[in-house]
């Protein structure tokens, strides 16, 4: 079919050339075409999967006009489609030299740099893109991936959370946020998120596969095998569990690189654990070449964003068909076993987090001034938090706010002033 389509397009090109006047300008020995016509034909080839002809026509348009943006963008997308990351990045950079604000090029560059495990270079592109399109949850997803690959799980979770504010039932965001928690050994929230994703669409096995991974990372191999028994063969199960146990031996950034990018060798890893491993048969996350969008990044990790999202829908989970309840029951069993039951919750308005108390107090003064009177009647509430990796942070809240409606209203007003904030359902203490 593609060959037939290609022959048709080439025939049309030939007819057009014959119809051109004899004195027409030539480029590289070929008759010059209107750039719009070349682009239309190239895009038709690209959509049909005929990458060779698409590339030839895009290149011809680019040769005819050194400043033609669309042809270079087309070349970048074509190289991206065939997996030639370096070439795609090169053409995206050419586009950005001609048009620094080009959203397609920023997005494509971010995607390709993440694919090449160069997240520190991807983040500036995605951050710039977020300022142009702050309502696009996909950029938050890509930023989350980039920070996870760097081992910055706090920032990753913040971005996934911001994406979920825009698309609360997006399965890719739920999966990636769950994995981010698992990378830093916070297994209970990871299991809750994956259970929600399973209940949203039981026919999509990605969350179930990730649930197997999380249980293995947490040391619950029996539970992992029980869930995975309906998803894979015994050989696949043994192969995957072996790989997941190796992933468990890595640090957080390496876990993310192993799962999201399939990297199997790390300079400081255990050489014995890295040899003779078969590839994983089950996909772990959505393709990172999916469309994207980005947030305004602050130092606020917004660690428990998922709790608000999950608990708001507890009543909906009660209406899930019976055949979807098994993963949720398993998650609840683990929560009871690991004593994750918490006391009565309240809503707090979180503004930021800081490495020390002095900076937190300064942060309050600065934010209060920027709020233009919104926070004038409130006092700061600063809490010391110890993360799973032993790192400590001082989180800045607005004291005196415990009701969701009030917290949300104040947060909305602050966002109107370009002040980042998050409403969290958390422990009173």
Protein backbone atom coordinates (compact mmCIF):
# COMPACT_ATOMS: atom_id res chain seq x y z
CA UNK A 1 0.00 0.00 0.00
CA UNK A 2 2.81 2.41 0.92
CA UNK A 3 4.64 1.58 -2.32
CA UNK A 4 1.50 2.22 -4.36
CA UNK A 5 0.94 5.51 -2.55
CA UNK A 6 4.56 6.52 -3.13
CA UNK A 7 4.36 5.76 -6.85
CA UNK A 8 1.24 7.92 -7.11
CA UNK A 9 2.91 10.87 -5.41
CA UNK A 10 6.06 10.51 -7.50
CA UNK A 11 3.94 10.44 -10.67
CA UNK A 12 2.27 13.68 -9.61
CA UNK A 13 5.68 15.23 -9.03
CA UNK A 14 6.76 14.16 -12.49
CA UNK A 15 3.64 15.64 -14.08
CA UNK A 16 4.24 18.89 -12.28
CA UNK A 17 7.80 18.99 -13.53
CA UNK A 18 6.68 18.42 -17.14
CA UNK A 19 4.14 21.19 -16.80
CA UNK A 20 6.78 23.64 -15.59
CA UNK A 21 8.26 26.06 -18.08
CA UNK A 22 11.59 25.17 -19.68
CA UNK A 23 13.41 28.13 -18.14
CA UNK A 24 12.48 27.19 -14.53
CA UNK A 25 15.22 27.61 -11.90
CA UNK A 26 16.93 24.39 -10.88
CA UNK A 27 18.39 23.39 -7.50
CA UNK A 28 20.95 20.57 -7.33
CA UNK A 29 20.04 19.63 -10.89
CA UNK A 30 16.29 19.35 -10.14
CA UNK A 31 13.42 21.60 -11.15
CA UNK A 32 12.57 24.09 -8.39
CA UNK A 33 9.18 23.67 -6.76
CA UNK A 34 7.08 25.97 -4.66
CA UNK A 35 8.07 25.24 -1.05
CA UNK A 36 4.42 24.81 -0.07
CA UNK A 37 3.96 22.06 -2.65
CA UNK A 38 7.11 20.30 -1.51
CA UNK A 39 5.98 20.45 2.11
CA UNK A 40 2.52 19.07 1.32
CA UNK A 41 4.01 16.13 -0.57
CA UNK A 42 6.62 15.50 2.12
CA UNK A 43 3.98 15.50 4.85
CA UNK A 44 1.91 13.03 2.84
CA UNK A 45 4.90 10.69 2.62
CA UNK A 46 5.59 11.08 6.35
CA UNK A 47 2.00 10.23 7.29
CA UNK A 48 2.11 7.21 4.99
CA UNK A 49 5.30 5.97 6.67
CA UNK A 50 7.44 6.48 3.55
CA UNK A 51 10.28 8.12 5.45
CA UNK A 52 12.80 7.97 2.60
CA UNK A 53 10.74 10.08 0.21
CA UNK A 54 9.59 12.36 3.03
CA UNK A 55 13.20 13.01 3.96
CA UNK A 56 14.21 13.67 0.36
CA UNK A 57 11.52 16.29 -0.17
CA UNK A 58 12.03 17.98 3.19
CA UNK A 59 15.77 18.14 2.45
CA UNK A 60 15.12 19.61 -0.97
CA UNK A 61 12.93 22.34 0.49
CA UNK A 62 15.61 23.05 3.09
CA UNK A 63 18.31 23.28 0.39
CA UNK A 64 16.25 25.75 -1.61
CA UNK A 65 15.81 28.04 1.39
CA UNK A 66 18.46 28.14 4.16
CA UNK A 67 15.95 29.82 6.50
CA UNK A 68 12.97 27.57 5.79
CA UNK A 69 11.76 26.47 9.23
CA UNK A 70 9.02 24.01 8.26
CA UNK A 71 11.34 21.79 6.19
CA UNK A 72 13.87 21.52 9.01
CA UNK A 73 11.09 20.75 11.44
CA UNK A 74 9.85 18.07 9.04
CA UNK A 75 13.34 16.56 8.85
CA UNK A 76 13.56 16.51 12.65
CA UNK A 77 10.21 14.72 12.94
CA UNK A 78 11.17 12.23 10.25
CA UNK A 79 14.45 11.37 11.95
CA UNK A 80 12.58 11.15 15.25
CA UNK A 81 10.11 8.71 13.69
CA UNK A 82 12.89 6.37 12.57
CA UNK A 83 14.70 6.61 15.92
CA UNK A 84 17.69 8.66 14.73
CA UNK A 85 17.85 10.78 17.89
CA UNK A 86 21.08 12.65 17.19
CA UNK A 87 19.95 13.76 13.74
CA UNK A 88 16.54 14.77 15.10
CA UNK A 89 18.14 16.86 17.85
CA UNK A 90 20.39 18.53 15.28
CA UNK A 91 17.46 19.66 13.13
CA UNK A 92 15.39 20.74 16.12
CA UNK A 93 18.35 22.92 17.16
CA UNK A 94 18.48 24.41 13.66
CA UNK A 95 14.80 25.33 13.96
CA UNK A 96 15.38 26.93 17.36
CA UNK A 97 18.26 28.98 15.97
CA UNK A 98 15.84 30.41 13.39
CA UNK A 99 12.83 30.58 15.73
CA UNK A 100 13.78 30.33 19.44
CA UNK A 101 10.13 30.20 20.54
CA UNK A 102 9.07 27.38 18.23
CA UNK A 103 6.92 25.10 20.42
CA UNK A 104 7.21 22.01 18.20
CA UNK A 105 10.99 22.23 18.25
CA UNK A 106 11.12 22.78 22.00
CA UNK A 107 8.86 19.79 22.52
CA UNK A 108 10.77 17.58 20.11
CA UNK A 109 14.12 18.56 21.56
CA UNK A 110 12.90 17.76 25.05
CA UNK A 111 11.63 14.36 23.96
CA UNK A 112 14.79 13.40 22.09
CA UNK A 113 17.13 14.60 24.83
CA UNK A 114 15.23 12.48 27.36
CA UNK A 115 15.47 9.52 25.00
CA UNK A 116 19.24 10.08 24.90
CA UNK A 117 19.33 10.27 28.72
CA UNK A 118 20.28 13.95 28.68
CA UNK A 119 17.57 15.25 31.03
CA UNK A 120 19.61 18.25 32.23
CA UNK A 121 19.50 19.57 28.64
CA UNK A 122 15.83 18.67 28.12
CA UNK A 123 14.52 20.55 31.15
CA UNK A 124 15.23 24.10 29.81
CA UNK A 125 13.33 23.34 26.58
CA UNK A 126 10.37 21.89 28.46
CA UNK A 127 10.36 24.71 31.00
CA UNK A 128 10.28 27.29 28.23
CA UNK A 129 7.49 25.36 26.56
CA UNK A 130 5.48 25.32 29.79
CA UNK A 131 5.46 29.10 29.89
CA UNK A 132 3.94 29.18 26.41
CA UNK A 133 1.41 26.39 27.00
CA UNK A 134 0.80 26.09 30.77
CA UNK A 135 -2.44 24.12 30.36
CA UNK A 136 -0.86 21.15 28.58
CA UNK A 137 -0.54 18.29 31.06
CA UNK A 138 1.76 16.34 28.75
CA UNK A 139 4.61 18.79 29.33
CA UNK A 140 4.32 18.15 33.07
CA UNK A 141 4.63 14.45 32.33
CA UNK A 142 7.82 14.97 30.33
CA UNK A 143 9.31 17.26 32.97
CA UNK A 144 8.54 14.62 35.58
CA UNK A 145 10.40 12.04 33.52
CA UNK A 146 13.39 14.34 33.11
CA UNK A 147 13.67 15.01 36.84
CA UNK A 148 13.21 11.32 37.67
CA UNK A 149 16.12 10.45 35.37
CA UNK A 150 18.26 12.98 37.25
CA UNK A 151 17.30 11.44 40.59
CA UNK A 152 15.27 14.50 41.55
CA UNK A 153 12.15 12.66 42.66
CA UNK A 154 10.78 15.66 44.60
CA UNK A 155 10.71 17.78 41.44
CA UNK A 156 9.44 14.86 39.36
CA UNK A 157 6.49 14.26 41.68
CA UNK A 158 5.65 17.95 41.71
CA UNK A 159 5.42 17.98 37.92
CA UNK A 160 3.38 14.78 37.71
CA UNK A 161 1.09 16.28 40.35
CA UNK A 162 0.66 19.48 38.38
CA UNK A 163 -0.20 17.39 35.33
CA UNK A 164 -2.80 15.47 37.33
CA UNK A 165 -4.41 18.73 38.38
CA UNK A 166 -5.17 19.25 34.68
CA UNK A 167 -5.92 15.60 33.83
CA UNK A 168 -6.63 13.78 37.09
CA UNK A 169 -7.43 10.43 35.44
CA UNK A 170 -4.53 10.33 32.99
CA UNK A 171 -3.14 6.82 33.25
CA UNK A 172 0.34 7.72 32.01
CA UNK A 173 0.71 10.40 34.70
CA UNK A 174 -0.61 8.03 37.38
CA UNK A 175 1.82 5.32 36.32
CA UNK A 176 4.81 7.64 36.20
CA UNK A 177 4.00 9.27 39.53
CA UNK A 178 3.61 5.82 41.11
CA UNK A 179 6.98 4.72 39.75
CA UNK A 180 8.59 7.93 41.00
CA UNK A 181 7.42 7.14 44.54
CA UNK A 182 8.66 3.57 44.16
CA UNK A 183 12.10 4.75 43.01
CA UNK A 184 12.59 6.35 46.44
CA UNK A 185 11.02 3.40 48.28
CA UNK A 186 7.63 4.97 49.09
CA UNK A 187 5.66 1.88 48.14
CA UNK A 188 2.29 2.50 49.81
CA UNK A 189 1.41 5.63 47.76
CA UNK A 190 2.79 3.95 44.63
CA UNK A 191 0.42 1.01 45.14
CA UNK A 192 -2.55 3.31 45.74
CA UNK A 193 -1.88 5.21 42.52
CA UNK A 194 -1.50 2.04 40.47
CA UNK A 195 -4.70 0.63 41.97
CA UNK A 196 -6.51 3.76 40.86
CA UNK A 197 -5.07 3.46 37.34
CA UNK A 198 -6.19 -0.19 37.17
CA UNK A 199 -9.71 0.71 38.23
CA UNK A 200 -9.90 3.47 35.62
CA UNK A 201 -9.22 1.04 32.77
CA UNK A 202 -8.75 -2.61 33.63
CA UNK A 203 -8.10 -3.50 29.99
CA UNK A 204 -4.83 -1.53 30.02
CA UNK A 205 -2.21 -3.82 31.56
CA UNK A 206 0.51 -1.19 32.04
CA UNK A 207 -0.51 -0.37 35.62
CA UNK A 208 -0.78 -4.08 36.50
CA UNK A 209 2.73 -4.68 35.14
CA UNK A 210 4.00 -1.74 37.15
CA UNK A 211 2.26 -3.13 40.23
CA UNK A 212 4.30 -6.32 39.82
CA UNK A 213 7.43 -4.17 39.67
CA UNK A 214 6.52 -2.18 42.80
CA UNK A 215 5.77 -5.30 44.84
CA UNK A 216 9.12 -6.81 43.85
CA UNK A 217 10.92 -3.58 44.79
CA UNK A 218 9.14 -3.62 48.15
CA UNK A 219 10.22 -7.23 48.79
CA UNK A 220 6.71 -8.70 48.33
CA UNK A 221 7.56 -11.23 45.63
CA UNK A 222 4.61 -13.52 46.44
CA UNK A 223 2.13 -10.69 45.87
CA UNK A 224 3.95 -9.73 42.66
CA UNK A 225 3.66 -13.29 41.32
CA UNK A 226 -0.02 -13.43 42.20
CA UNK A 227 -0.76 -10.27 40.22
CA UNK A 228 1.53 -11.15 37.32
CA UNK A 229 0.27 -14.71 36.87
CA UNK A 230 -2.50 -13.55 34.53
CA UNK A 231 -0.24 -11.16 32.59
CA UNK A 232 2.78 -13.23 31.60
CA UNK A 233 4.13 -16.74 31.30
CA UNK A 234 6.15 -18.37 34.07
CA UNK A 235 9.36 -17.82 32.09
CA UNK A 236 8.53 -14.15 31.54
CA UNK A 237 7.64 -13.79 35.22
CA UNK A 238 10.98 -15.25 36.39
CA UNK A 239 12.88 -13.12 33.89
CA UNK A 240 11.14 -9.92 34.94
CA UNK A 241 11.43 -10.58 38.67
CA UNK A 242 15.13 -11.24 38.24
CA UNK A 243 15.48 -7.90 36.47
CA UNK A 244 13.37 -6.05 39.07
CA UNK A 245 15.52 -7.41 41.89
CA UNK A 246 18.54 -5.97 40.11
CA UNK A 247 16.70 -2.64 39.74
CA UNK A 248 16.10 -2.71 43.51
CA UNK A 249 19.88 -2.68 44.06
CA UNK A 250 20.26 0.63 42.22
CA UNK A 251 19.94 4.18 43.49
CA UNK A 252 16.86 6.23 42.60
CA UNK A 253 18.16 7.93 39.44
CA UNK A 254 19.49 4.61 38.11
CA UNK A 255 16.17 2.92 38.84
CA UNK A 256 14.44 5.55 36.71
CA UNK A 257 16.94 5.14 33.88
CA UNK A 258 16.65 1.36 34.01
CA UNK A 259 12.83 1.39 33.90
CA UNK A 260 12.08 4.36 31.63
CA UNK A 261 15.01 4.01 29.21
CA UNK A 262 15.94 0.33 29.56
CA UNK A 263 19.53 1.09 30.57
CA UNK A 264 21.23 -2.05 31.85
CA UNK A 265 24.75 -0.99 32.75
CA UNK A 266 25.85 1.65 35.24
CA UNK A 267 29.46 2.60 36.06
CA UNK A 268 29.13 1.83 39.77
CA UNK A 269 26.72 -1.06 39.46
CA UNK A 270 27.32 -4.71 40.29
CA UNK A 271 28.89 -6.24 37.13
CA UNK A 272 27.71 -9.70 38.12
CA UNK A 273 24.14 -8.48 38.34
CA UNK A 274 24.34 -6.78 34.95
CA UNK A 275 25.27 -9.71 32.71
CA UNK A 276 23.14 -12.32 30.97
CA UNK A 277 19.84 -10.53 31.46
CA UNK A 278 17.07 -11.07 28.95
CA UNK A 279 15.01 -8.05 27.92
CA UNK A 280 11.79 -7.31 29.77
CA UNK A 281 8.77 -8.48 27.83
CA UNK A 282 6.20 -6.18 29.39
CA UNK A 283 6.16 -2.43 28.68
CA UNK A 284 6.50 -0.28 31.77
CA UNK A 285 5.40 3.24 30.86
CA UNK A 286 3.81 5.17 28.04
CA UNK A 287 6.22 5.98 25.18
CA UNK A 288 8.23 9.03 26.08
CA UNK A 289 7.70 10.32 22.55
CA UNK A 290 4.11 11.21 23.45
CA UNK A 291 3.12 14.88 23.14
CA UNK A 292 4.15 17.04 26.09
CA UNK A 293 3.68 20.25 28.05
CA UNK A 294 5.41 21.93 31.05
CA UNK A 295 4.81 23.69 34.39
CA UNK A 296 6.29 26.55 36.30
CA UNK A 297 8.99 24.85 38.40
CA UNK A 298 9.49 25.84 42.02
CA UNK A 299 11.43 24.20 44.83
CA UNK A 300 8.20 22.89 46.34
CA UNK A 301 8.17 19.06 46.08
CA UNK A 302 4.43 18.83 46.78
CA UNK A 303 5.06 15.36 47.98
CA UNK A 304 1.58 14.13 48.74
CA UNK A 305 -0.25 15.48 45.72
CA UNK A 306 -1.66 12.04 45.01
CA UNK A 307 -3.40 11.71 48.37
CA UNK A 308 -5.73 14.56 47.55
CA UNK A 309 -6.45 13.16 44.10
CA UNK A 310 -7.06 9.64 45.33
CA UNK A 311 -9.15 10.43 48.37
CA UNK A 312 -11.42 12.75 46.41
CA UNK A 313 -12.51 9.69 44.44
CA UNK A 314 -12.93 7.13 47.22
CA UNK A 315 -16.66 7.13 46.69
CA UNK A 316 -16.16 6.44 42.97
CA UNK A 317 -14.03 3.37 43.75
CA UNK A 318 -17.01 1.84 45.54
CA UNK A 319 -18.87 1.78 42.23
CA UNK A 320 -16.15 -0.03 40.28
CA UNK A 321 -17.29 -3.37 38.76
CA UNK A 322 -16.45 -6.41 40.86
CA UNK A 323 -13.85 -7.80 38.44
CA UNK A 324 -11.66 -4.73 38.95
CA UNK A 325 -11.48 -4.91 42.73
CA UNK A 326 -8.69 -7.43 43.19
CA UNK A 327 -5.74 -5.01 42.80
CA UNK A 328 -7.35 -2.56 45.23
CA UNK A 329 -7.86 -5.31 47.83
CA UNK A 330 -4.19 -6.26 47.52
CA UNK A 331 -3.12 -2.65 48.02
CA UNK A 332 -5.33 -2.38 51.09
CA UNK A 333 -3.80 -5.56 52.54
CA UNK A 334 -0.31 -4.11 52.13
CA UNK A 335 -1.39 -0.85 53.74
CA UNK A 336 -2.72 -2.73 56.77
CA UNK A 337 0.39 -4.90 56.97
CA UNK A 338 2.76 -1.93 56.86
CA UNK A 339 0.64 0.15 59.24
CA UNK A 340 0.04 2.99 56.81
CA UNK A 341 -3.31 3.87 58.38
CA UNK A 342 -3.24 7.53 59.34
CA UNK A 343 -5.24 9.65 61.79
CA UNK A 344 -7.87 12.16 60.80
CA UNK A 345 -6.67 14.41 57.98
CA UNK A 346 -6.92 18.14 57.43
CA UNK A 347 -6.25 20.34 54.42
CA UNK A 348 -3.19 22.54 54.42
CA UNK A 349 -1.98 25.14 51.93
CA UNK A 350 1.67 24.52 51.09
CA UNK A 351 3.77 27.25 49.50
CA UNK A 352 7.32 25.90 49.18
CA UNK A 353 10.09 23.91 50.83
CA UNK A 354 13.58 24.98 51.85
CA UNK A 355 16.86 23.37 52.99
CA UNK A 356 16.91 25.24 56.32
CA UNK A 357 14.69 27.17 58.73
CA UNK A 358 16.25 30.55 58.01
CA UNK A 359 15.49 30.31 54.30
CA UNK A 360 11.95 29.15 55.05
CA UNK A 361 11.30 32.27 57.16
CA UNK A 362 12.75 34.48 54.45
CA UNK A 363 10.61 32.66 51.91
CA UNK A 364 7.46 33.47 53.88
CA UNK A 365 8.34 37.17 53.99
CA UNK A 366 8.99 37.24 50.26
CA UNK A 367 5.82 35.33 49.33
CA UNK A 368 3.70 37.40 51.70
CA UNK A 369 4.87 40.61 50.01
CA UNK A 370 4.19 39.20 46.56
CA UNK A 371 0.68 38.14 47.60
CA UNK A 372 -0.47 41.80 47.67
CA UNK A 373 -2.43 41.39 50.89
CA UNK A 374 -3.81 37.87 50.34
CA UNK A 375 -1.64 36.43 53.13
CA UNK A 376 -1.65 39.49 55.36
CA UNK A 377 -3.96 37.95 57.98
CA UNK A 378 -2.08 34.64 58.12
CA UNK A 379 1.03 33.39 59.87
CA UNK A 380 3.62 30.91 58.55
CA UNK A 381 3.67 27.26 59.58
CA UNK A 382 7.02 25.54 59.00
CA UNK A 383 7.38 21.77 59.36
CA UNK A 384 10.55 19.68 59.28
CA UNK A 385 10.23 16.64 56.99
CA UNK A 386 12.67 13.74 56.64
CA UNK A 387 12.56 12.02 53.25
CA UNK A 388 13.17 8.36 52.50
CA UNK A 389 16.76 9.08 51.44
CA UNK A 390 17.49 10.76 54.79
CA UNK A 391 17.38 14.28 53.38
CA UNK A 392 15.55 16.90 55.49
CA UNK A 393 13.44 19.76 54.22
CA UNK A 394 11.51 22.59 55.85
CA UNK A 395 8.07 22.86 54.26
CA UNK A 396 6.28 26.20 54.39
CA UNK A 397 2.51 26.14 54.98
CA UNK A 398 -0.07 28.82 55.69
CA UNK A 399 -1.07 28.50 59.34
CA UNK A 400 -4.74 28.62 60.34
CA UNK A 401 -6.11 26.93 57.23
CA UNK A 402 -7.56 23.43 57.69
CA UNK A 403 -10.65 23.42 55.46
CA UNK A 404 -10.40 22.38 51.82
CA UNK A 405 -12.66 25.16 50.50
CA UNK A 406 -10.64 27.87 52.23
CA UNK A 407 -7.31 26.37 51.18
CA UNK A 408 -8.42 26.08 47.58
CA UNK A 409 -9.81 29.61 47.49
CA UNK A 410 -6.61 31.15 48.89
CA UNK A 411 -4.46 29.03 46.58
CA UNK A 412 -6.48 30.16 43.55
CA UNK A 413 -5.98 33.79 44.56
CA UNK A 414 -2.23 33.22 44.98
CA UNK A 415 -1.95 31.60 41.57
CA UNK A 416 -3.57 34.66 40.06
CA UNK A 417 -0.53 36.52 41.44
CA UNK A 418 1.85 33.94 39.85
CA UNK A 419 2.58 32.38 43.26
CA UNK A 420 2.83 28.61 43.22
CA UNK A 421 0.92 26.65 45.88
CA UNK A 422 -0.67 23.30 46.55
CA UNK A 423 -3.62 22.10 48.64
CA UNK A 424 -2.67 18.95 50.54
CA UNK A 425 -4.76 16.60 52.64
CA UNK A 426 -2.37 15.64 55.41
CA UNK A 427 -1.99 14.73 59.06
CA UNK A 428 -2.98 17.32 61.64
CA UNK A 429 0.40 16.82 63.25
